[in-house]
Amino acid sequence: MDAKLKRSLAKKPLQSLPVKGFFSNYPVRKWLQQNDFLLVCGKSDYLWTFLCGDNPEDLLLLLERFEFESLYFANVEEWMLPVLTHTRKIEWKLTTHRYYLPEEKSVEPTDHVSQSLDSSMANYIFRNSAYKDFTSETYIKDRLEKDVSAGIWINGELVGWGLTHDDSSMGFLHVMPDYRGQGLGESIMRFLVIEKQGRKKPVFVNIEPHNHQSINLVKKLGFVFDREVSWVKLV
């Protein structure tokens, strides 16, 4: 990543968490700056445009320069939507709450045995995913190859797992229905946190607002609410 871009992102340590996470996994295709506002593009499953800043006028000027080379936007806060939709409409939007674990916090492992997954499990995870409309087997395989992951096997069957999204946020936490209520989800989360911290990587998650069970879990582990953000596809 360009040194000037790194310095600019460092000015907004929380807002830029997913931007730095994404571009630690994928190369920067293009980036533009207007005062302190940043627009940064890179490709995972789609060509994503990450937004980082707090001034609507700066965002409007950046979008005029950008000319909507991509219609997929990430790290979108609610106040940004009227600017993005000034000349466009929203095809779909996925909104989450971001929680982060302060650096001084740590977690302990549990008795459940978790271990990293390999890319051969991508098809199985995709088939059992609750997010088929927003992901693909190829995307999951890519995540398994590029970042931390965790799985729990019982009687030779993978019954729970977690991995990361393309911005390095922890996610995809899933426990098969017959094995819920046994603390497996918490064990997986603890394993992922320990793996992240062992690599000196920021620890954060994106959780849909109605997912109270996951929100309660991360709060229990010491995570702190940061902000609401969305992934948006325009037309």
C-alpha atoms as a PDB file:
ATOM      1  CA  MET A   1       0.000   0.000   0.000  1.00  0.00           C
ATOM      2  CA  ASP A   2       1.196   3.504  -0.863  1.00  0.00           C
ATOM      3  CA  ALA A   3       2.925   5.201   2.089  1.00  0.00           C
ATOM      4  CA  LYS A   4       0.853   8.375   1.713  1.00  0.00           C
ATOM      5  CA  LEU A   5      -2.355   6.320   1.742  1.00  0.00           C
ATOM      6  CA  LYS A   6      -1.195   4.526   4.904  1.00  0.00           C
ATOM      7  CA  ARG A   7      -0.538   7.849   6.630  1.00  0.00           C
ATOM      8  CA  SER A   8      -3.965   9.162   5.645  1.00  0.00           C
ATOM      9  CA  LEU A   9      -5.734   6.027   6.902  1.00  0.00           C
ATOM     10  CA  ALA A  10      -3.839   6.226  10.191  1.00  0.00           C
ATOM     11  CA  LYS A  11      -5.619   9.506  10.961  1.00  0.00           C
ATOM     12  CA  LYS A  12      -8.922   7.595  11.301  1.00  0.00           C
ATOM     13  CA  PRO A  13      -7.935   4.382  13.127  1.00  0.00           C
ATOM     14  CA  LEU A  14     -11.452   3.039  13.767  1.00  0.00           C
ATOM     15  CA  GLN A  15     -13.201   4.167  10.592  1.00  0.00           C
ATOM     16  CA  SER A  16     -10.344   2.799   8.488  1.00  0.00           C
ATOM     17  CA  LEU A  17     -10.271  -0.673  10.125  1.00  0.00           C
ATOM     18  CA  PRO A  18     -11.977  -2.439   7.186  1.00  0.00           C
ATOM     19  CA  VAL A  19     -10.069  -0.387   4.617  1.00  0.00           C
ATOM     20  CA  LYS A  20      -6.700  -1.427   6.029  1.00  0.00           C
ATOM     21  CA  GLY A  21      -7.999  -4.973   6.489  1.00  0.00           C
ATOM     22  CA  PHE A  22      -9.186  -5.312   2.902  1.00  0.00           C
ATOM     23  CA  PHE A  23      -6.025  -3.920   1.374  1.00  0.00           C
ATOM     24  CA  SER A  24      -3.821  -6.147   3.485  1.00  0.00           C
ATOM     25  CA  ASN A  25      -5.418  -8.982   1.457  1.00  0.00           C
ATOM     26  CA  TYR A  26      -5.905  -7.391  -1.977  1.00  0.00           C
ATOM     27  CA  PRO A  27      -3.968  -4.792  -3.983  1.00  0.00           C
ATOM     28  CA  VAL A  28      -5.130  -1.206  -4.323  1.00  0.00           C
ATOM     29  CA  ARG A  29      -6.453  -0.664  -7.848  1.00  0.00           C
ATOM     30  CA  LYS A  30      -7.059   3.056  -7.449  1.00  0.00           C
ATOM     31  CA  TRP A  31      -7.357   5.634  -4.711  1.00  0.00           C
ATOM     32  CA  LEU A  32      -8.419   9.255  -4.591  1.00  0.00           C
ATOM     33  CA  GLN A  33      -8.251  11.850  -1.825  1.00  0.00           C
ATOM     34  CA  GLN A  34     -10.168  15.064  -1.197  1.00  0.00           C
ATOM     35  CA  ASN A  35      -8.858  16.819   1.908  1.00  0.00           C
ATOM     36  CA  ASP A  36      -9.083  14.047   4.544  1.00  0.00           C
ATOM     37  CA  PHE A  37     -11.673  11.968   2.666  1.00  0.00           C
ATOM     38  CA  LEU A  38     -10.424   8.790   0.987  1.00  0.00           C
ATOM     39  CA  LEU A  39     -11.907   6.626  -1.757  1.00  0.00           C
ATOM     40  CA  VAL A  40     -10.004   3.359  -2.270  1.00  0.00           C
ATOM     41  CA  CYS A  41     -10.753   0.594  -4.820  1.00  0.00           C
ATOM     42  CA  GLY A  42      -9.759  -3.050  -4.895  1.00  0.00           C
ATOM     43  CA  LYS A  43     -11.138  -6.367  -6.116  1.00  0.00           C
ATOM     44  CA  SER A  44     -12.128  -9.457  -4.136  1.00  0.00           C
ATOM     45  CA  ASP A  45     -15.387 -10.967  -5.392  1.00  0.00           C
ATOM     46  CA  TYR A  46     -16.316  -7.560  -6.851  1.00  0.00           C
ATOM     47  CA  LEU A  47     -14.490  -4.291  -7.428  1.00  0.00           C
ATOM     48  CA  TRP A  48     -15.208  -2.669  -4.059  1.00  0.00           C
ATOM     49  CA  THR A  49     -14.903   1.022  -3.334  1.00  0.00           C
ATOM     50  CA  PHE A  50     -14.190   1.806   0.303  1.00  0.00           C
ATOM     51  CA  LEU A  51     -15.122   5.186   1.720  1.00  0.00           C
ATOM     52  CA  CYS A  52     -13.376   6.796   4.663  1.00  0.00           C
ATOM     53  CA  GLY A  53     -14.098  10.357   5.778  1.00  0.00           C
ATOM     54  CA  ASP A  54     -16.669  12.611   7.365  1.00  0.00           C
ATOM     55  CA  ASN A  55     -17.438  15.478   4.980  1.00  0.00           C
ATOM     56  CA  PRO A  56     -20.350  15.164   2.487  1.00  0.00           C
ATOM     57  CA  GLU A  57     -18.958  17.857   0.171  1.00  0.00           C
ATOM     58  CA  ASP A  58     -15.615  16.067  -0.062  1.00  0.00           C
ATOM     59  CA  LEU A  59     -17.405  12.787  -0.839  1.00  0.00           C
ATOM     60  CA  LEU A  60     -19.445  14.433  -3.592  1.00  0.00           C
ATOM     61  CA  LEU A  61     -16.307  15.845  -5.220  1.00  0.00           C
ATOM     62  CA  LEU A  62     -14.579  12.467  -5.024  1.00  0.00           C
ATOM     63  CA  LEU A  63     -17.525  10.698  -6.667  1.00  0.00           C
ATOM     64  CA  GLU A  64     -17.484  13.229  -9.508  1.00  0.00           C
ATOM     65  CA  ARG A  65     -13.799  12.482 -10.085  1.00  0.00           C
ATOM     66  CA  PHE A  66     -14.349   8.742  -9.686  1.00  0.00           C
ATOM     67  CA  GLU A  67     -17.231   8.706 -12.216  1.00  0.00           C
ATOM     68  CA  PHE A  68     -18.668   5.562 -10.592  1.00  0.00           C
ATOM     69  CA  GLU A  69     -16.051   3.229 -12.084  1.00  0.00           C
ATOM     70  CA  SER A  70     -17.476   0.679  -9.640  1.00  0.00           C
ATOM     71  CA  LEU A  71     -21.030   0.465  -8.301  1.00  0.00           C
ATOM     72  CA  TYR A  72     -20.079  -1.573  -5.216  1.00  0.00           C
ATOM     73  CA  PHE A  73     -19.374   0.501  -2.105  1.00  0.00           C
ATOM     74  CA  ALA A  74     -18.198  -0.569   1.345  1.00  0.00           C
ATOM     75  CA  ASN A  75     -17.722   1.088   4.735  1.00  0.00           C
ATOM     76  CA  VAL A  76     -20.772   3.195   3.922  1.00  0.00           C
ATOM     77  CA  GLU A  77     -22.258   5.147   6.822  1.00  0.00           C
ATOM     78  CA  GLU A  78     -25.885   6.234   6.816  1.00  0.00           C
ATOM     79  CA  TRP A  79     -25.108   9.902   6.195  1.00  0.00           C
ATOM     80  CA  MET A  80     -23.209   8.945   3.001  1.00  0.00           C
ATOM     81  CA  LEU A  81     -26.243   7.362   1.329  1.00  0.00           C
ATOM     82  CA  PRO A  82     -27.896  10.608   0.109  1.00  0.00           C
ATOM     83  CA  VAL A  83     -24.616  11.577  -1.562  1.00  0.00           C
ATOM     84  CA  LEU A  84     -24.180   8.149  -3.175  1.00  0.00           C
ATOM     85  CA  THR A  85     -27.762   8.148  -4.428  1.00  0.00           C
ATOM     86  CA  HIS A  86     -27.755  11.707  -5.728  1.00  0.00           C
ATOM     87  CA  THR A  87     -27.658  10.339  -9.285  1.00  0.00           C
ATOM     88  CA  ARG A  88     -27.995   6.591  -8.598  1.00  0.00           C
ATOM     89  CA  LYS A  89     -30.363   4.135  -6.946  1.00  0.00           C
ATOM     90  CA  ILE A  90     -29.661   1.321  -4.506  1.00  0.00           C
ATOM     91  CA  GLU A  91     -30.046  -2.210  -5.878  1.00  0.00           C
ATOM     92  CA  TRP A  92     -29.237  -3.859  -2.534  1.00  0.00           C
ATOM     93  CA  LYS A  93     -27.801  -2.935   0.841  1.00  0.00           C
ATOM     94  CA  LEU A  94     -26.443  -5.075   3.695  1.00  0.00           C
ATOM     95  CA  THR A  95     -26.217  -3.187   6.990  1.00  0.00           C
ATOM     96  CA  THR A  96     -24.253  -4.280  10.044  1.00  0.00           C
ATOM     97  CA  HIS A  97     -23.001  -2.967  13.368  1.00  0.00           C
ATOM     98  CA  ARG A  98     -19.247  -2.952  13.789  1.00  0.00           C
ATOM     99  CA  TYR A  99     -17.683  -3.982  17.089  1.00  0.00           C
ATOM    100  CA  TYR A 100     -13.951  -3.978  17.808  1.00  0.00           C
ATOM    101  CA  LEU A 101     -11.807  -5.484  20.548  1.00  0.00           C
ATOM    102  CA  PRO A 102      -9.495  -2.919  22.195  1.00  0.00           C
ATOM    103  CA  GLU A 103      -5.841  -3.904  21.926  1.00  0.00           C
ATOM    104  CA  GLU A 104      -5.423  -4.274  25.677  1.00  0.00           C
ATOM    105  CA  LYS A 105      -8.187  -6.909  25.857  1.00  0.00           C
ATOM    106  CA  SER A 106      -7.424 -10.627  25.587  1.00  0.00           C
ATOM    107  CA  VAL A 107      -9.460 -13.827  25.732  1.00  0.00           C
ATOM    108  CA  GLU A 108      -8.817 -17.345  26.978  1.00  0.00           C
ATOM    109  CA  PRO A 109      -9.443 -20.516  24.935  1.00  0.00           C
ATOM    110  CA  THR A 110     -12.205 -22.951  25.950  1.00  0.00           C
ATOM    111  CA  ASP A 111     -12.233 -26.724  26.324  1.00  0.00           C
ATOM    112  CA  HIS A 112     -13.784 -27.227  22.873  1.00  0.00           C
ATOM    113  CA  VAL A 113     -11.076 -28.036  20.352  1.00  0.00           C
ATOM    114  CA  SER A 114     -10.958 -25.583  17.440  1.00  0.00           C
ATOM    115  CA  GLN A 115      -8.577 -25.774  14.525  1.00  0.00           C
ATOM    116  CA  SER A 116      -7.903 -23.904  11.307  1.00  0.00           C
ATOM    117  CA  LEU A 117      -9.764 -24.906   8.152  1.00  0.00           C
ATOM    118  CA  ASP A 118      -8.401 -25.466   4.656  1.00  0.00           C
ATOM    119  CA  SER A 119      -9.889 -24.473   1.332  1.00  0.00           C
ATOM    120  CA  SER A 120     -11.291 -27.965   0.692  1.00  0.00           C
ATOM    121  CA  MET A 121     -14.119 -27.061   3.100  1.00  0.00           C
ATOM    122  CA  ALA A 122     -15.320 -24.120   0.978  1.00  0.00           C
ATOM    123  CA  ASN A 123     -18.138 -26.024  -0.736  1.00  0.00           C
ATOM    124  CA  TYR A 124     -19.459 -27.445   2.538  1.00  0.00           C
ATOM    125  CA  ILE A 125     -19.405 -24.017   4.218  1.00  0.00           C
ATOM    126  CA  PHE A 126     -21.094 -22.363   1.242  1.00  0.00           C
ATOM    127  CA  ARG A 127     -23.867 -24.976   1.084  1.00  0.00           C
ATOM    128  CA  ASN A 128     -24.652 -24.404   4.748  1.00  0.00           C
ATOM    129  CA  SER A 129     -24.197 -20.630   4.705  1.00  0.00           C
ATOM    130  CA  ALA A 130     -26.977 -18.211   5.609  1.00  0.00           C
ATOM    131  CA  TYR A 131     -25.465 -15.661   3.201  1.00  0.00           C
ATOM    132  CA  LYS A 132     -25.686 -17.354  -0.179  1.00  0.00           C
ATOM    133  CA  ASP A 133     -27.137 -14.175  -1.720  1.00  0.00           C
ATOM    134  CA  PHE A 134     -24.049 -12.199  -0.699  1.00  0.00           C
ATOM    135  CA  THR A 135     -21.221 -14.686  -1.194  1.00  0.00           C
ATOM    136  CA  SER A 136     -19.952 -17.585  -3.296  1.00  0.00           C
ATOM    137  CA  GLU A 137     -17.917 -20.754  -2.916  1.00  0.00           C
ATOM    138  CA  THR A 138     -15.010 -19.039  -4.691  1.00  0.00           C
ATOM    139  CA  TYR A 139     -15.130 -16.161  -2.212  1.00  0.00           C
ATOM    140  CA  ILE A 140     -15.124 -18.532   0.781  1.00  0.00           C
ATOM    141  CA  LYS A 141     -12.199 -20.510  -0.665  1.00  0.00           C
ATOM    142  CA  ASP A 142     -10.282 -17.261  -1.073  1.00  0.00           C
ATOM    143  CA  ARG A 143     -10.947 -16.291   2.546  1.00  0.00           C
ATOM    144  CA  LEU A 144      -9.831 -19.691   3.822  1.00  0.00           C
ATOM    145  CA  GLU A 145      -6.557 -19.303   1.932  1.00  0.00           C
ATOM    146  CA  LYS A 146      -5.849 -15.705   2.938  1.00  0.00           C
ATOM    147  CA  ASP A 147      -6.748 -15.352   6.621  1.00  0.00           C
ATOM    148  CA  VAL A 148      -7.529 -17.073   9.896  1.00  0.00           C
ATOM    149  CA  SER A 149     -10.347 -19.592  10.289  1.00  0.00           C
ATOM    150  CA  ALA A 150     -11.665 -22.023  12.891  1.00  0.00           C
ATOM    151  CA  GLY A 151     -13.727 -25.193  12.899  1.00  0.00           C
ATOM    152  CA  ILE A 152     -15.019 -27.749  15.375  1.00  0.00           C
ATOM    153  CA  TRP A 153     -15.482 -31.395  14.403  1.00  0.00           C
ATOM    154  CA  ILE A 154     -17.638 -33.882  16.278  1.00  0.00           C
ATOM    155  CA  ASN A 155     -17.625 -37.532  15.221  1.00  0.00           C
ATOM    156  CA  GLY A 156     -15.805 -36.586  12.041  1.00  0.00           C
ATOM    157  CA  GLU A 157     -18.343 -33.923  11.030  1.00  0.00           C
ATOM    158  CA  LEU A 158     -17.620 -30.196  10.802  1.00  0.00           C
ATOM    159  CA  VAL A 159     -20.388 -28.813  13.028  1.00  0.00           C
ATOM    160  CA  GLY A 160     -19.283 -25.220  13.522  1.00  0.00           C
ATOM    161  CA  TRP A 161     -16.962 -22.707  11.914  1.00  0.00           C
ATOM    162  CA  GLY A 162     -15.878 -19.122  11.598  1.00  0.00           C
ATOM    163  CA  LEU A 163     -13.631 -17.262   9.170  1.00  0.00           C
ATOM    164  CA  THR A 164     -13.107 -13.722   7.985  1.00  0.00           C
ATOM    165  CA  HIS A 165     -14.605 -11.451   5.378  1.00  0.00           C
ATOM    166  CA  ASP A 166     -12.518  -9.775   2.698  1.00  0.00           C
ATOM    167  CA  ASP A 167     -11.951  -6.759   4.982  1.00  0.00           C
ATOM    168  CA  SER A 168     -10.438  -9.116   7.613  1.00  0.00           C
ATOM    169  CA  SER A 169     -13.392  -8.718   9.963  1.00  0.00           C
ATOM    170  CA  MET A 170     -14.300 -11.941  11.737  1.00  0.00           C
ATOM    171  CA  GLY A 171     -17.547 -13.481  10.548  1.00  0.00           C
ATOM    172  CA  PHE A 172     -19.300 -16.397   8.904  1.00  0.00           C
ATOM    173  CA  LEU A 173     -19.867 -17.764  12.418  1.00  0.00           C
ATOM    174  CA  HIS A 174     -22.150 -20.767  12.053  1.00  0.00           C
ATOM    175  CA  VAL A 175     -23.081 -23.763  14.198  1.00  0.00           C
ATOM    176  CA  MET A 176     -25.180 -26.569  12.727  1.00  0.00           C
ATOM    177  CA  PRO A 177     -28.696 -26.664  14.269  1.00  0.00           C
ATOM    178  CA  ASP A 178     -28.244 -29.952  16.152  1.00  0.00           C
ATOM    179  CA  TYR A 179     -25.193 -28.591  17.989  1.00  0.00           C
ATOM    180  CA  ARG A 180     -26.381 -25.169  19.102  1.00  0.00           C
ATOM    181  CA  GLY A 181     -26.613 -24.193  22.744  1.00  0.00           C
ATOM    182  CA  GLN A 182     -23.350 -25.938  23.665  1.00  0.00           C
ATOM    183  CA  GLY A 183     -21.011 -22.948  23.572  1.00  0.00           C
ATOM    184  CA  LEU A 184     -19.413 -23.914  20.246  1.00  0.00           C
ATOM    185  CA  GLY A 185     -19.909 -20.450  18.749  1.00  0.00           C
ATOM    186  CA  GLU A 186     -18.106 -18.834  21.660  1.00  0.00           C
ATOM    187  CA  SER A 187     -15.248 -21.344  21.388  1.00  0.00           C
ATOM    188  CA  ILE A 188     -14.843 -20.527  17.692  1.00  0.00           C
ATOM    189  CA  MET A 189     -14.863 -16.782  18.362  1.00  0.00           C
ATOM    190  CA  ARG A 190     -12.250 -17.133  21.096  1.00  0.00           C
ATOM    191  CA  PHE A 191     -10.028 -19.184  18.767  1.00  0.00           C
ATOM    192  CA  LEU A 192     -10.304 -16.543  16.009  1.00  0.00           C
ATOM    193  CA  VAL A 193      -9.495 -13.696  18.417  1.00  0.00           C
ATOM    194  CA  ILE A 194      -6.404 -15.526  19.701  1.00  0.00           C
ATOM    195  CA  GLU A 195      -5.262 -16.235  16.128  1.00  0.00           C
ATOM    196  CA  LYS A 196      -5.764 -12.593  15.116  1.00  0.00           C
ATOM    197  CA  GLN A 197      -3.943 -11.226  18.125  1.00  0.00           C
ATOM    198  CA  GLY A 198      -1.129 -13.724  17.578  1.00  0.00           C
ATOM    199  CA  ARG A 199      -0.629 -12.185  14.136  1.00  0.00           C
ATOM    200  CA  LYS A 200      -0.782  -8.622  15.559  1.00  0.00           C
ATOM    201  CA  LYS A 201      -3.947  -7.927  13.528  1.00  0.00           C
ATOM    202  CA  PRO A 202      -6.890  -5.729  14.615  1.00  0.00           C
ATOM    203  CA  VAL A 203      -9.869  -7.703  15.890  1.00  0.00           C
ATOM    204  CA  PHE A 204     -13.310  -6.548  14.749  1.00  0.00           C
ATOM    205  CA  VAL A 205     -16.621  -7.972  13.584  1.00  0.00           C
ATOM    206  CA  ASN A 206     -19.643  -6.877  11.580  1.00  0.00           C
ATOM    207  CA  ILE A 207     -22.973  -8.152  12.916  1.00  0.00           C
ATOM    208  CA  GLU A 208     -26.470  -7.585  11.560  1.00  0.00           C
ATOM    209  CA  PRO A 209     -28.462  -5.452  14.052  1.00  0.00           C
ATOM    210  CA  HIS A 210     -31.121  -8.121  14.664  1.00  0.00           C
ATOM    211  CA  ASN A 211     -28.549 -10.806  15.539  1.00  0.00           C
ATOM    212  CA  HIS A 212     -28.792 -10.255  19.284  1.00  0.00           C
ATOM    213  CA  GLN A 213     -27.164 -13.589  20.145  1.00  0.00           C
ATOM    214  CA  SER A 214     -23.932 -12.709  18.332  1.00  0.00           C
ATOM    215  CA  ILE A 215     -23.993  -9.153  19.700  1.00  0.00           C
ATOM    216  CA  ASN A 216     -24.312 -10.466  23.258  1.00  0.00           C
ATOM    217  CA  LEU A 217     -21.450 -12.887  22.608  1.00  0.00           C
ATOM    218  CA  VAL A 218     -18.968 -10.277  21.391  1.00  0.00           C
ATOM    219  CA  LYS A 219     -19.926  -7.905  24.224  1.00  0.00           C
ATOM    220  CA  LYS A 220     -19.235 -10.744  26.671  1.00  0.00           C
ATOM    221  CA  LEU A 221     -15.760 -11.106  25.153  1.00  0.00           C
ATOM    222  CA  GLY A 222     -15.046  -7.390  25.595  1.00  0.00           C
ATOM    223  CA  PHE A 223     -15.869  -5.993  22.145  1.00  0.00           C
ATOM    224  CA  VAL A 224     -16.983  -2.351  21.933  1.00  0.00           C
ATOM    225  CA  PHE A 225     -19.538  -0.884  19.500  1.00  0.00           C
ATOM    226  CA  ASP A 226     -18.016   1.407  16.877  1.00  0.00           C
ATOM    227  CA  ARG A 227     -20.579   2.341  14.214  1.00  0.00           C
ATOM    228  CA  GLU A 228     -23.220   1.168  11.741  1.00  0.00           C
ATOM    229  CA  VAL A 229     -21.935   0.499   8.222  1.00  0.00           C
ATOM    230  CA  SER A 230     -23.333  -0.921   4.993  1.00  0.00           C
ATOM    231  CA  TRP A 231     -22.249  -2.661   1.811  1.00  0.00           C
ATOM    232  CA  VAL A 232     -24.151  -1.128  -1.089  1.00  0.00           C
ATOM    233  CA  LYS A 233     -24.697  -2.052  -4.738  1.00  0.00           C
ATOM    234  CA  LEU A 234     -25.906   0.845  -6.892  1.00  0.00           C
ATOM    235  CA  VAL A 235     -27.529   0.892 -10.319  1.00  0.00           C
END
